[in-house]
PDB file of N, CA and C in Angstrom:
ATOM      1  N   PHE A   1     -22.063   0.672 -27.315  1.00  0.00           N
ATOM      2  CA  PHE A   1     -22.622   0.662 -26.001  1.00  0.00           C
ATOM      3  C   PHE A   1     -24.111   0.934 -26.034  1.00  0.00           C
ATOM      4  N   VAL A   2     -24.659   0.621 -27.194  1.00  0.00           N
ATOM      5  CA  VAL A   2     -26.097   0.691 -27.386  1.00  0.00           C
ATOM      6  C   VAL A   2     -26.562  -0.707 -27.760  1.00  0.00           C
ATOM      7  N   LYS A   3     -27.602  -1.162 -27.088  1.00  0.00           N
ATOM      8  CA  LYS A   3     -28.143  -2.489 -27.367  1.00  0.00           C
ATOM      9  C   LYS A   3     -29.644  -2.346 -27.562  1.00  0.00           C
ATOM     10  N   GLU A   4     -30.121  -2.816 -28.698  1.00  0.00           N
ATOM     11  CA  GLU A   4     -31.547  -2.753 -29.017  1.00  0.00           C
ATOM     12  C   GLU A   4     -32.087  -1.338 -28.847  1.00  0.00           C
ATOM     13  N   GLY A   5     -31.286  -0.346 -29.279  1.00  0.00           N
ATOM     14  CA  GLY A   5     -31.726   1.042 -29.219  1.00  0.00           C
ATOM     15  C   GLY A   5     -31.648   1.694 -27.850  1.00  0.00           C
ATOM     16  N   ARG A   6     -31.107   0.987 -26.860  1.00  0.00           N
ATOM     17  CA  ARG A   6     -31.002   1.538 -25.498  1.00  0.00           C
ATOM     18  C   ARG A   6     -29.538   1.742 -25.144  1.00  0.00           C
ATOM     19  N   ILE A   7     -29.249   2.871 -24.530  1.00  0.00           N
ATOM     20  CA  ILE A   7     -27.883   3.136 -24.079  1.00  0.00           C
ATOM     21  C   ILE A   7     -27.610   2.294 -22.843  1.00  0.00           C
ATOM     22  N   ILE A   8     -26.551   1.510 -22.903  1.00  0.00           N
ATOM     23  CA  ILE A   8     -26.162   0.680 -21.765  1.00  0.00           C
ATOM     24  C   ILE A   8     -25.062   1.377 -20.973  1.00  0.00           C
ATOM     25  N   VAL A   9     -24.095   1.947 -21.680  1.00  0.00           N
ATOM     26  CA  VAL A   9     -22.997   2.684 -21.060  1.00  0.00           C
ATOM     27  C   VAL A   9     -22.868   3.995 -21.811  1.00  0.00           C
ATOM     28  N   ASN A  10     -22.872   5.111 -21.097  1.00  0.00           N
ATOM     29  CA  ASN A  10     -22.732   6.384 -21.797  1.00  0.00           C
ATOM     30  C   ASN A  10     -21.387   7.048 -21.555  1.00  0.00           C
ATOM     31  N   GLU A  11     -20.581   6.513 -20.627  1.00  0.00           N
ATOM     32  CA  GLU A  11     -19.266   7.092 -20.367  1.00  0.00           C
ATOM     33  C   GLU A  11     -18.398   6.087 -19.633  1.00  0.00           C
ATOM     34  N   LEU A  12     -17.136   6.013 -20.006  1.00  0.00           N
ATOM     35  CA  LEU A  12     -16.148   5.221 -19.284  1.00  0.00           C
ATOM     36  C   LEU A  12     -15.073   6.179 -18.798  1.00  0.00           C
ATOM     37  N   ALA A  13     -14.718   6.087 -17.544  1.00  0.00           N
ATOM     38  CA  ALA A  13     -13.693   6.966 -16.981  1.00  0.00           C
ATOM     39  C   ALA A  13     -12.698   6.105 -16.207  1.00  0.00           C
ATOM     40  N   PRO A  14     -11.444   6.055 -16.640  1.00  0.00           N
ATOM     41  CA  PRO A  14     -10.438   5.240 -15.943  1.00  0.00           C
ATOM     42  C   PRO A  14      -9.892   5.947 -14.705  1.00  0.00           C
ATOM     43  N   ARG A  15     -10.799   6.529 -13.933  1.00  0.00           N
ATOM     44  CA  ARG A  15     -10.443   7.307 -12.746  1.00  0.00           C
ATOM     45  C   ARG A  15     -11.681   7.394 -11.863  1.00  0.00           C
ATOM     46  N   PRO A  16     -11.531   7.834 -10.628  1.00  0.00           N
ATOM     47  CA  PRO A  16     -12.729   8.089  -9.824  1.00  0.00           C
ATOM     48  C   PRO A  16     -13.623   9.105 -10.543  1.00  0.00           C
ATOM     49  N   HIS A  17     -14.916   8.907 -10.443  1.00  0.00           N
ATOM     50  CA  HIS A  17     -15.878   9.729 -11.182  1.00  0.00           C
ATOM     51  C   HIS A  17     -16.865  10.366 -10.216  1.00  0.00           C
ATOM     52  N   ASN A  18     -17.332  11.552 -10.564  1.00  0.00           N
ATOM     53  CA  ASN A  18     -18.281  12.282  -9.729  1.00  0.00           C
ATOM     54  C   ASN A  18     -19.503  11.451  -9.360  1.00  0.00           C
ATOM     55  N   SER A  19     -19.952  10.602 -10.250  1.00  0.00           N
ATOM     56  CA  SER A  19     -21.158   9.814  -9.975  1.00  0.00           C
ATOM     57  C   SER A  19     -20.958   8.815  -8.838  1.00  0.00           C
ATOM     58  N   GLY A  20     -19.718   8.554  -8.455  1.00  0.00           N
ATOM     59  CA  GLY A  20     -19.443   7.610  -7.372  1.00  0.00           C
ATOM     60  C   GLY A  20     -18.943   8.251  -6.095  1.00  0.00           C
ATOM     61  N   HIS A  21     -19.045   9.580  -5.995  1.00  0.00           N
ATOM     62  CA  HIS A  21     -18.513  10.251  -4.812  1.00  0.00           C
ATOM     63  C   HIS A  21     -19.239   9.869  -3.519  1.00  0.00           C
ATOM     64  N   GLN A  22     -20.461   9.384  -3.605  1.00  0.00           N
ATOM     65  CA  GLN A  22     -21.158   9.010  -2.375  1.00  0.00           C
ATOM     66  C   GLN A  22     -20.519   7.795  -1.715  1.00  0.00           C
ATOM     67  N   THR A  23     -19.623   7.111  -2.419  1.00  0.00           N
ATOM     68  CA  THR A  23     -18.938   5.970  -1.806  1.00  0.00           C
ATOM     69  C   THR A  23     -18.053   6.397  -0.639  1.00  0.00           C
ATOM     70  N   PHE A  24     -17.663   7.682  -0.578  1.00  0.00           N
ATOM     71  CA  PHE A  24     -16.903   8.194   0.574  1.00  0.00           C
ATOM     72  C   PHE A  24     -17.616   7.877   1.887  1.00  0.00           C
ATOM     73  N   ASP A  25     -18.913   8.130   1.893  1.00  0.00           N
ATOM     74  CA  ASP A  25     -19.679   8.146   3.132  1.00  0.00           C
ATOM     75  C   ASP A  25     -20.628   6.976   3.309  1.00  0.00           C
ATOM     76  N   ALA A  26     -20.874   6.212   2.260  1.00  0.00           N
ATOM     77  CA  ALA A  26     -21.963   5.249   2.352  1.00  0.00           C
ATOM     78  C   ALA A  26     -21.632   3.845   1.860  1.00  0.00           C
ATOM     79  N   HIS A  27     -20.363   3.544   1.609  1.00  0.00           N
ATOM     80  CA  HIS A  27     -19.980   2.214   1.128  1.00  0.00           C
ATOM     81  C   HIS A  27     -18.779   1.683   1.901  1.00  0.00           C
ATOM     82  N   GLN A  28     -18.616   0.376   1.868  1.00  0.00           N
ATOM     83  CA  GLN A  28     -17.505  -0.248   2.585  1.00  0.00           C
ATOM     84  C   GLN A  28     -16.161   0.327   2.158  1.00  0.00           C
ATOM     85  N   THR A  29     -15.984   0.548   0.873  1.00  0.00           N
ATOM     86  CA  THR A  29     -14.716   1.052   0.338  1.00  0.00           C
ATOM     87  C   THR A  29     -15.026   2.165  -0.656  1.00  0.00           C
ATOM     88  N   SER A  30     -14.367   3.302  -0.521  1.00  0.00           N
ATOM     89  CA  SER A  30     -14.625   4.411  -1.444  1.00  0.00           C
ATOM     90  C   SER A  30     -14.040   4.110  -2.820  1.00  0.00           C
ATOM     91  N   GLN A  31     -14.555   4.791  -3.815  1.00  0.00           N
ATOM     92  CA  GLN A  31     -14.034   4.602  -5.172  1.00  0.00           C
ATOM     93  C   GLN A  31     -12.569   5.021  -5.264  1.00  0.00           C
ATOM     94  N   PHE A  32     -12.148   5.967  -4.431  1.00  0.00           N
ATOM     95  CA  PHE A  32     -10.748   6.393  -4.455  1.00  0.00           C
ATOM     96  C   PHE A  32      -9.840   5.285  -3.916  1.00  0.00           C
ATOM     97  N   GLU A  33     -10.264   4.658  -2.821  1.00  0.00           N
ATOM     98  CA  GLU A  33      -9.483   3.534  -2.294  1.00  0.00           C
ATOM     99  C   GLU A  33      -9.470   2.382  -3.294  1.00  0.00           C
ATOM    100  N   GLN A  34     -10.608   2.104  -3.919  1.00  0.00           N
ATOM    101  CA  GLN A  34     -10.659   1.029  -4.918  1.00  0.00           C
ATOM    102  C   GLN A  34      -9.682   1.317  -6.065  1.00  0.00           C
ATOM    103  N   HIS A  35      -9.611   2.561  -6.492  1.00  0.00           N
ATOM    104  CA  HIS A  35      -8.711   2.941  -7.583  1.00  0.00           C
ATOM    105  C   HIS A  35      -7.256   2.668  -7.195  1.00  0.00           C
ATOM    106  N   ILE A  36      -6.870   3.088  -5.995  1.00  0.00           N
ATOM    107  CA  ILE A  36      -5.498   2.855  -5.518  1.00  0.00           C
ATOM    108  C   ILE A  36      -5.217   1.358  -5.425  1.00  0.00           C
ATOM    109  N   ARG A  37      -6.173   0.600  -4.882  1.00  0.00           N
ATOM    110  CA  ARG A  37      -5.995  -0.851  -4.773  1.00  0.00           C
ATOM    111  C   ARG A  37      -5.775  -1.475  -6.157  1.00  0.00           C
ATOM    112  N   ALA A  38      -6.583  -1.060  -7.128  1.00  0.00           N
ATOM    113  CA  ALA A  38      -6.473  -1.622  -8.476  1.00  0.00           C
ATOM    114  C   ALA A  38      -5.131  -1.265  -9.110  1.00  0.00           C
ATOM    115  N   VAL A  39      -4.728  -0.015  -8.996  1.00  0.00           N
ATOM    116  CA  VAL A  39      -3.459   0.433  -9.587  1.00  0.00           C
ATOM    117  C   VAL A  39      -2.274  -0.286  -8.952  1.00  0.00           C
ATOM    118  N   CYS A  40      -2.377  -0.569  -7.656  1.00  0.00           N
ATOM    119  CA  CYS A  40      -1.277  -1.229  -6.934  1.00  0.00           C
ATOM    120  C   CYS A  40      -1.343  -2.748  -6.995  1.00  0.00           C
ATOM    121  N   GLY A  41      -2.345  -3.289  -7.680  1.00  0.00           N
ATOM    122  CA  GLY A  41      -2.470  -4.738  -7.790  1.00  0.00           C
ATOM    123  C   GLY A  41      -2.941  -5.402  -6.514  1.00  0.00           C
ATOM    124  N   LEU A  42      -3.601  -4.645  -5.651  1.00  0.00           N
ATOM    125  CA  LEU A  42      -4.117  -5.183  -4.393  1.00  0.00           C
ATOM    126  C   LEU A  42      -5.535  -5.704  -4.591  1.00  0.00           C
ATOM    127  N   PRO A  43      -5.990  -6.592  -3.705  1.00  0.00           N
ATOM    128  CA  PRO A  43      -7.384  -7.040  -3.798  1.00  0.00           C
ATOM    129  C   PRO A  43      -8.325  -5.850  -3.600  1.00  0.00           C
ATOM    130  N   LEU A  44      -9.421  -5.852  -4.334  1.00  0.00           N
ATOM    131  CA  LEU A  44     -10.403  -4.786  -4.172  1.00  0.00           C
ATOM    132  C   LEU A  44     -11.147  -4.955  -2.858  1.00  0.00           C
ATOM    133  N   GLY A  45     -11.616  -3.837  -2.310  1.00  0.00           N
ATOM    134  CA  GLY A  45     -12.384  -3.865  -1.068  1.00  0.00           C
ATOM    135  C   GLY A  45     -13.844  -4.171  -1.335  1.00  0.00           C
ATOM    136  N   GLY A  46     -14.594  -4.326  -0.270  1.00  0.00           N
ATOM    137  CA  GLY A  46     -16.023  -4.591  -0.387  1.00  0.00           C
ATOM    138  C   GLY A  46     -16.749  -3.418  -1.013  1.00  0.00           C
ATOM    139  N   THR A  47     -17.840  -3.708  -1.680  1.00  0.00           N
ATOM    140  CA  THR A  47     -18.592  -2.662  -2.373  1.00  0.00           C
ATOM    141  C   THR A  47     -19.996  -2.452  -1.809  1.00  0.00           C
ATOM    142  N   LYS A  48     -20.345  -3.192  -0.779  1.00  0.00           N
ATOM    143  CA  LYS A  48     -21.705  -3.087  -0.248  1.00  0.00           C
ATOM    144  C   LYS A  48     -21.953  -1.710   0.359  1.00  0.00           C
ATOM    145  N   PRO A  49     -23.168  -1.187   0.151  1.00  0.00           N
ATOM    146  CA  PRO A  49     -23.528   0.063   0.812  1.00  0.00           C
ATOM    147  C   PRO A  49     -23.644  -0.151   2.319  1.00  0.00           C
ATOM    148  N   LEU A  50     -23.242   0.844   3.087  1.00  0.00           N
ATOM    149  CA  LEU A  50     -23.397   0.791   4.539  1.00  0.00           C
ATOM    150  C   LEU A  50     -24.780   1.275   4.950  1.00  0.00           C
ATOM    151  N   ALA A  51     -25.369   2.122   4.119  1.00  0.00           N
ATOM    152  CA  ALA A  51     -26.701   2.670   4.375  1.00  0.00           C
ATOM    153  C   ALA A  51     -27.241   3.217   3.061  1.00  0.00           C
ATOM    154  N   PRO A  52     -28.567   3.295   2.930  1.00  0.00           N
ATOM    155  CA  PRO A  52     -29.113   3.975   1.760  1.00  0.00           C
ATOM    156  C   PRO A  52     -28.600   5.417   1.737  1.00  0.00           C
ATOM    157  N   SER A  53     -28.289   5.921   0.545  1.00  0.00           N
ATOM    158  CA  SER A  53     -27.719   7.267   0.461  1.00  0.00           C
ATOM    159  C   SER A  53     -28.173   7.982  -0.801  1.00  0.00           C
ATOM    160  N   ALA A  54     -28.066   9.296  -0.743  1.00  0.00           N
ATOM    161  CA  ALA A  54     -28.340  10.146  -1.901  1.00  0.00           C
ATOM    162  C   ALA A  54     -27.285  11.238  -1.931  1.00  0.00           C
ATOM    163  N   MET A  55     -26.937  11.659  -3.131  1.00  0.00           N
ATOM    164  CA  MET A  55     -25.924  12.692  -3.301  1.00  0.00           C
ATOM    165  C   MET A  55     -26.483  13.791  -4.190  1.00  0.00           C
ATOM    166  N   VAL A  56     -26.208  15.041  -3.827  1.00  0.00           N
ATOM    167  CA  VAL A  56     -26.558  16.171  -4.686  1.00  0.00           C
ATOM    168  C   VAL A  56     -25.287  16.960  -4.980  1.00  0.00           C
ATOM    169  N   ASN A  57     -25.132  17.338  -6.239  1.00  0.00           N
ATOM    170  CA  ASN A  57     -23.990  18.155  -6.639  1.00  0.00           C
ATOM    171  C   ASN A  57     -24.220  19.604  -6.243  1.00  0.00           C
ATOM    172  N   LEU A  58     -23.139  20.283  -5.933  1.00  0.00           N
ATOM    173  CA  LEU A  58     -23.174  21.707  -5.621  1.00  0.00           C
ATOM    174  C   LEU A  58     -22.500  22.431  -6.779  1.00  0.00           C
ATOM    175  N   LEU A  59     -23.306  23.067  -7.600  1.00  0.00           N
ATOM    176  CA  LEU A  59     -22.784  23.762  -8.771  1.00  0.00           C
ATOM    177  C   LEU A  59     -22.493  25.221  -8.449  1.00  0.00           C
ATOM    178  N   GLY A  60     -21.635  25.810  -9.243  1.00  0.00           N
ATOM    179  CA  GLY A  60     -21.215  27.189  -9.033  1.00  0.00           C
ATOM    180  C   GLY A  60     -22.350  28.191  -9.017  1.00  0.00           C
ATOM    181  N   ASP A  61     -23.494  27.831  -9.573  1.00  0.00           N
ATOM    182  CA  ASP A  61     -24.664  28.711  -9.565  1.00  0.00           C
ATOM    183  C   ASP A  61     -25.077  29.090  -8.144  1.00  0.00           C
ATOM    184  N   LEU A  62     -24.759  28.244  -7.165  1.00  0.00           N
ATOM    185  CA  LEU A  62     -25.129  28.513  -5.769  1.00  0.00           C
ATOM    186  C   LEU A  62     -24.299  29.632  -5.149  1.00  0.00           C
ATOM    187  N   TRP A  63     -23.158  29.955  -5.748  1.00  0.00           N
ATOM    188  CA  TRP A  63     -22.281  31.011  -5.239  1.00  0.00           C
ATOM    189  C   TRP A  63     -22.769  32.341  -5.819  1.00  0.00           C
ATOM    190  N   ARG A  64     -23.922  32.789  -5.341  1.00  0.00           N
ATOM    191  CA  ARG A  64     -24.549  33.993  -5.893  1.00  0.00           C
ATOM    192  C   ARG A  64     -23.704  35.226  -5.583  1.00  0.00           C
ATOM    193  N   GLY A  65     -23.407  35.980  -6.618  1.00  0.00           N
ATOM    194  CA  GLY A  65     -22.578  37.169  -6.444  1.00  0.00           C
ATOM    195  C   GLY A  65     -21.178  36.845  -5.952  1.00  0.00           C
ATOM    196  N   GLY A  66     -20.734  35.620  -6.188  1.00  0.00           N
ATOM    197  CA  GLY A  66     -19.403  35.211  -5.743  1.00  0.00           C
ATOM    198  C   GLY A  66     -19.331  34.829  -4.277  1.00  0.00           C
ATOM    199  N   GLN A  67     -20.463  34.906  -3.576  1.00  0.00           N
ATOM    200  CA  GLN A  67     -20.511  34.576  -2.148  1.00  0.00           C
ATOM    201  C   GLN A  67     -20.756  33.088  -1.949  1.00  0.00           C
ATOM    202  N   GLU A  68     -19.966  32.483  -1.084  1.00  0.00           N
ATOM    203  CA  GLU A  68     -20.156  31.067  -0.765  1.00  0.00           C
ATOM    204  C   GLU A  68     -21.490  30.887  -0.046  1.00  0.00           C
ATOM    205  N   PRO A  69     -22.210  29.815  -0.342  1.00  0.00           N
ATOM    206  CA  PRO A  69     -23.486  29.572   0.338  1.00  0.00           C
ATOM    207  C   PRO A  69     -23.309  29.431   1.854  1.00  0.00           C
ATOM    208  N   ASP A  70     -24.390  29.653   2.567  1.00  0.00           N
ATOM    209  CA  ASP A  70     -24.406  29.445   4.017  1.00  0.00           C
ATOM    210  C   ASP A  70     -24.629  27.946   4.249  1.00  0.00           C
ATOM    211  N   TRP A  71     -23.626  27.291   4.809  1.00  0.00           N
ATOM    212  CA  TRP A  71     -23.660  25.837   4.991  1.00  0.00           C
ATOM    213  C   TRP A  71     -24.287  25.420   6.322  1.00  0.00           C
ATOM    214  N   THR A  72     -24.835  26.351   7.092  1.00  0.00           N
ATOM    215  CA  THR A  72     -25.332  26.057   8.440  1.00  0.00           C
ATOM    216  C   THR A  72     -26.303  24.880   8.462  1.00  0.00           C
ATOM    217  N   LYS A  73     -27.307  24.877   7.595  1.00  0.00           N
ATOM    218  CA  LYS A  73     -28.303  23.789   7.613  1.00  0.00           C
ATOM    219  C   LYS A  73     -27.674  22.449   7.250  1.00  0.00           C
ATOM    220  N   VAL A  74     -26.771  22.466   6.275  1.00  0.00           N
ATOM    221  CA  VAL A  74     -26.105  21.217   5.875  1.00  0.00           C
ATOM    222  C   VAL A  74     -25.280  20.684   7.037  1.00  0.00           C
ATOM    223  N   LEU A  75     -24.500  21.554   7.655  1.00  0.00           N
ATOM    224  CA  LEU A  75     -23.617  21.127   8.744  1.00  0.00           C
ATOM    225  C   LEU A  75     -24.379  20.789  10.021  1.00  0.00           C
ATOM    226  N   SER A  76     -25.638  21.225  10.108  1.00  0.00           N
ATOM    227  CA  SER A  76     -26.469  20.917  11.278  1.00  0.00           C
ATOM    228  C   SER A  76     -27.195  19.582  11.142  1.00  0.00           C
ATOM    229  N   GLU A  77     -27.148  18.986   9.971  1.00  0.00           N
ATOM    230  CA  GLU A  77     -27.824  17.704   9.714  1.00  0.00           C
ATOM    231  C   GLU A  77     -26.843  16.565   9.967  1.00  0.00           C
ATOM    232  N   PRO A  78     -27.055  15.778  11.043  1.00  0.00           N
ATOM    233  CA  PRO A  78     -26.103  14.710  11.386  1.00  0.00           C
ATOM    234  C   PRO A  78     -25.897  13.663  10.290  1.00  0.00           C
ATOM    235  N   SER A  79     -26.898  13.447   9.455  1.00  0.00           N
ATOM    236  CA  SER A  79     -26.779  12.407   8.424  1.00  0.00           C
ATOM    237  C   SER A  79     -26.176  12.931   7.122  1.00  0.00           C
ATOM    238  N   ALA A  80     -25.765  14.200   7.104  1.00  0.00           N
ATOM    239  CA  ALA A  80     -25.226  14.806   5.881  1.00  0.00           C
ATOM    240  C   ALA A  80     -23.727  15.035   5.993  1.00  0.00           C
ATOM    241  N   LYS A  81     -23.049  14.856   4.874  1.00  0.00           N
ATOM    242  CA  LYS A  81     -21.613  15.148   4.772  1.00  0.00           C
ATOM    243  C   LYS A  81     -21.421  16.137   3.632  1.00  0.00           C
ATOM    244  N   LEU A  82     -20.735  17.226   3.928  1.00  0.00           N
ATOM    245  CA  LEU A  82     -20.445  18.259   2.940  1.00  0.00           C
ATOM    246  C   LEU A  82     -19.031  18.061   2.412  1.00  0.00           C
ATOM    247  N   HIS A  83     -18.894  18.018   1.101  1.00  0.00           N
ATOM    248  CA  HIS A  83     -17.585  17.885   0.456  1.00  0.00           C
ATOM    249  C   HIS A  83     -17.412  19.058  -0.501  1.00  0.00           C
ATOM    250  N   LEU A  84     -16.432  19.910  -0.234  1.00  0.00           N
ATOM    251  CA  LEU A  84     -16.113  21.028  -1.124  1.00  0.00           C
ATOM    252  C   LEU A  84     -14.795  20.722  -1.817  1.00  0.00           C
ATOM    253  N   TYR A  85     -14.709  21.023  -3.102  1.00  0.00           N
ATOM    254  CA  TYR A  85     -13.563  20.619  -3.911  1.00  0.00           C
ATOM    255  C   TYR A  85     -12.449  21.655  -3.975  1.00  0.00           C
ATOM    256  N   ASP A  86     -12.590  22.782  -3.300  1.00  0.00           N
ATOM    257  CA  ASP A  86     -11.546  23.818  -3.240  1.00  0.00           C
ATOM    258  C   ASP A  86     -11.087  24.231  -4.641  1.00  0.00           C
ATOM    259  N   LYS A  87     -12.064  24.521  -5.490  1.00  0.00           N
ATOM    260  CA  LYS A  87     -11.751  24.889  -6.870  1.00  0.00           C
ATOM    261  C   LYS A  87     -11.495  26.382  -7.049  1.00  0.00           C
ATOM    262  N   GLY A  88     -11.632  27.152  -5.991  1.00  0.00           N
ATOM    263  CA  GLY A  88     -11.407  28.585  -6.139  1.00  0.00           C
ATOM    264  C   GLY A  88     -12.636  29.275  -6.688  1.00  0.00           C
ATOM    265  N   LYS A  89     -12.516  29.830  -7.870  1.00  0.00           N
ATOM    266  CA  LYS A  89     -13.593  30.622  -8.454  1.00  0.00           C
ATOM    267  C   LYS A  89     -14.754  29.746  -8.926  1.00  0.00           C
ATOM    268  N   ALA A  90     -15.947  30.121  -8.474  1.00  0.00           N
ATOM    269  CA  ALA A  90     -17.164  29.422  -8.897  1.00  0.00           C
ATOM    270  C   ALA A  90     -17.634  29.985 -10.230  1.00  0.00           C
ATOM    271  N   ALA A  91     -18.211  29.123 -11.044  1.00  0.00           N
ATOM    272  CA  ALA A  91     -18.805  29.526 -12.319  1.00  0.00           C
ATOM    273  C   ALA A  91     -20.077  28.720 -12.516  1.00  0.00           C
ATOM    274  N   PRO A  92     -21.075  29.289 -13.183  1.00  0.00           N
ATOM    275  CA  PRO A  92     -22.312  28.546 -13.413  1.00  0.00           C
ATOM    276  C   PRO A  92     -22.024  27.188 -14.055  1.00  0.00           C
ATOM    277  N   GLY A  93     -22.617  26.148 -13.482  1.00  0.00           N
ATOM    278  CA  GLY A  93     -22.458  24.793 -13.997  1.00  0.00           C
ATOM    279  C   GLY A  93     -21.206  24.070 -13.535  1.00  0.00           C
ATOM    280  N   ARG A  94     -20.288  24.777 -12.899  1.00  0.00           N
ATOM    281  CA  ARG A  94     -19.044  24.146 -12.439  1.00  0.00           C
ATOM    282  C   ARG A  94     -19.302  23.386 -11.142  1.00  0.00           C
ATOM    283  N   LYS A  95     -18.863  22.130 -11.085  1.00  0.00           N
ATOM    284  CA  LYS A  95     -19.055  21.326  -9.878  1.00  0.00           C
ATOM    285  C   LYS A  95     -18.080  21.787  -8.806  1.00  0.00           C
ATOM    286  N   MET A  96     -18.641  22.324  -7.734  1.00  0.00           N
ATOM    287  CA  MET A  96     -17.845  22.884  -6.644  1.00  0.00           C
ATOM    288  C   MET A  96     -17.796  21.962  -5.429  1.00  0.00           C
ATOM    289  N   GLY A  97     -18.684  20.977  -5.400  1.00  0.00           N
ATOM    290  CA  GLY A  97     -18.724  20.054  -4.279  1.00  0.00           C
ATOM    291  C   GLY A  97     -19.960  19.183  -4.354  1.00  0.00           C
ATOM    292  N   HIS A  98     -20.208  18.463  -3.264  1.00  0.00           N
ATOM    293  CA  HIS A  98     -21.424  17.660  -3.182  1.00  0.00           C
ATOM    294  C   HIS A  98     -21.798  17.445  -1.725  1.00  0.00           C
ATOM    295  N   ILE A  99     -23.036  17.045  -1.533  1.00  0.00           N
ATOM    296  CA  ILE A  99     -23.556  16.658  -0.220  1.00  0.00           C
ATOM    297  C   ILE A  99     -24.016  15.218  -0.343  1.00  0.00           C
ATOM    298  N   THR A 100     -23.617  14.392   0.615  1.00  0.00           N
ATOM    299  CA  THR A 100     -24.118  13.023   0.695  1.00  0.00           C
ATOM    300  C   THR A 100     -24.953  12.907   1.962  1.00  0.00           C
ATOM    301  N   VAL A 101     -26.100  12.282   1.838  1.00  0.00           N
ATOM    302  CA  VAL A 101     -26.989  12.067   2.981  1.00  0.00           C
ATOM    303  C   VAL A 101     -27.274  10.576   3.089  1.00  0.00           C
ATOM    304  N   THR A 102     -27.169  10.033   4.290  1.00  0.00           N
ATOM    305  CA  THR A 102     -27.555   8.644   4.542  1.00  0.00           C
ATOM    306  C   THR A 102     -28.828   8.633   5.381  1.00  0.00           C
ATOM    307  N   ALA A 103     -29.594   7.563   5.243  1.00  0.00           N
ATOM    308  CA  ALA A 103     -30.853   7.437   5.987  1.00  0.00           C
ATOM    309  C   ALA A 103     -31.221   5.962   6.058  1.00  0.00           C
ATOM    310  N   SER A 104     -32.325   5.678   6.722  1.00  0.00           N
ATOM    311  CA  SER A 104     -32.753   4.283   6.847  1.00  0.00           C
ATOM    312  C   SER A 104     -33.393   3.761   5.564  1.00  0.00           C
ATOM    313  N   THR A 105     -33.881   4.672   4.710  1.00  0.00           N
ATOM    314  CA  THR A 105     -34.432   4.275   3.413  1.00  0.00           C
ATOM    315  C   THR A 105     -33.880   5.198   2.327  1.00  0.00           C
ATOM    316  N   LEU A 106     -33.884   4.704   1.105  1.00  0.00           N
ATOM    317  CA  LEU A 106     -33.435   5.522  -0.013  1.00  0.00           C
ATOM    318  C   LEU A 106     -34.333   6.744  -0.182  1.00  0.00           C
ATOM    319  N   GLU A 107     -35.624   6.542  -0.033  1.00  0.00           N
ATOM    320  CA  GLU A 107     -36.570   7.644  -0.195  1.00  0.00           C
ATOM    321  C   GLU A 107     -36.286   8.760   0.806  1.00  0.00           C
ATOM    322  N   GLU A 108     -35.985   8.398   2.041  1.00  0.00           N
ATOM    323  CA  GLU A 108     -35.681   9.399   3.069  1.00  0.00           C
ATOM    324  C   GLU A 108     -34.358  10.101   2.764  1.00  0.00           C
ATOM    325  N   ALA A 109     -33.369   9.366   2.297  1.00  0.00           N
ATOM    326  CA  ALA A 109     -32.085   9.982   1.939  1.00  0.00           C
ATOM    327  C   ALA A 109     -32.277  10.992   0.809  1.00  0.00           C
ATOM    328  N   ILE A 110     -33.047  10.621  -0.198  1.00  0.00           N
ATOM    329  CA  ILE A 110     -33.316  11.538  -1.317  1.00  0.00           C
ATOM    330  C   ILE A 110     -34.055  12.770  -0.818  1.00  0.00           C
ATOM    331  N   ARG A 111     -35.079  12.568   0.001  1.00  0.00           N
ATOM    332  CA  ARG A 111     -35.866  13.694   0.521  1.00  0.00           C
ATOM    333  C   ARG A 111     -34.976  14.668   1.284  1.00  0.00           C
ATOM    334  N   ARG A 112     -34.135  14.140   2.179  1.00  0.00           N
ATOM    335  CA  ARG A 112     -33.259  15.005   2.978  1.00  0.00           C
ATOM    336  C   ARG A 112     -32.235  15.731   2.112  1.00  0.00           C
ATOM    337  N   ALA A 113     -31.646  15.014   1.158  1.00  0.00           N
ATOM    338  CA  ALA A 113     -30.644  15.636   0.275  1.00  0.00           C
ATOM    339  C   ALA A 113     -31.268  16.763  -0.541  1.00  0.00           C
ATOM    340  N   GLU A 114     -32.443  16.515  -1.090  1.00  0.00           N
ATOM    341  CA  GLU A 114     -33.120  17.549  -1.878  1.00  0.00           C
ATOM    342  C   GLU A 114     -33.506  18.742  -1.014  1.00  0.00           C
ATOM    343  N   ALA A 115     -33.947  18.490   0.220  1.00  0.00           N
ATOM    344  CA  ALA A 115     -34.321  19.587   1.123  1.00  0.00           C
ATOM    345  C   ALA A 115     -33.107  20.434   1.492  1.00  0.00           C
ATOM    346  N   LEU A 116     -31.981  19.790   1.757  1.00  0.00           N
ATOM    347  CA  LEU A 116     -30.766  20.542   2.083  1.00  0.00           C
ATOM    348  C   LEU A 116     -30.306  21.373   0.889  1.00  0.00           C
ATOM    349  N   HIS A 117     -30.374  20.785  -0.288  1.00  0.00           N
ATOM    350  CA  HIS A 117     -29.974  21.517  -1.495  1.00  0.00           C
ATOM    351  C   HIS A 117     -30.890  22.723  -1.712  1.00  0.00           C
ATOM    352  N   ALA A 118     -32.192  22.519  -1.533  1.00  0.00           N
ATOM    353  CA  ALA A 118     -33.155  23.609  -1.719  1.00  0.00           C
ATOM    354  C   ALA A 118     -32.940  24.727  -0.702  1.00  0.00           C
ATOM    355  N   ALA A 119     -32.456  24.386   0.490  1.00  0.00           N
ATOM    356  CA  ALA A 119     -32.233  25.391   1.540  1.00  0.00           C
ATOM    357  C   ALA A 119     -31.048  26.304   1.231  1.00  0.00           C
ATOM    358  N   LEU A 120     -30.230  25.909   0.273  1.00  0.00           N
ATOM    359  CA  LEU A 120     -29.071  26.733  -0.079  1.00  0.00           C
ATOM    360  C   LEU A 120     -29.494  27.878  -0.980  1.00  0.00           C
TER     361      LEU A 120
END
């Protein structure tokens, strides 16, 4: 999976993957629905984005002293969706959830997602 010294593919996962979680909120068909369709032999759904989007992971490092972060700013942003994975105990580096933000441009989605993450 290296061509001319460049990595083309660094991981294959025969399951929904964290890198595609923004499909929940910003694409015609989520990666989870696509997976079910493929396993059941159904036609795949559309893959077009509905809006430019950015996603930030929520790692266990944000649960300072075991306390869940204050989600007020995230939940107050109409263009943001908070997804928590209900993993129980947080640990540094452990993926506990993600935030997806949609906007009229990719740059604006990235800016908003980074600002919400920084506010935590």
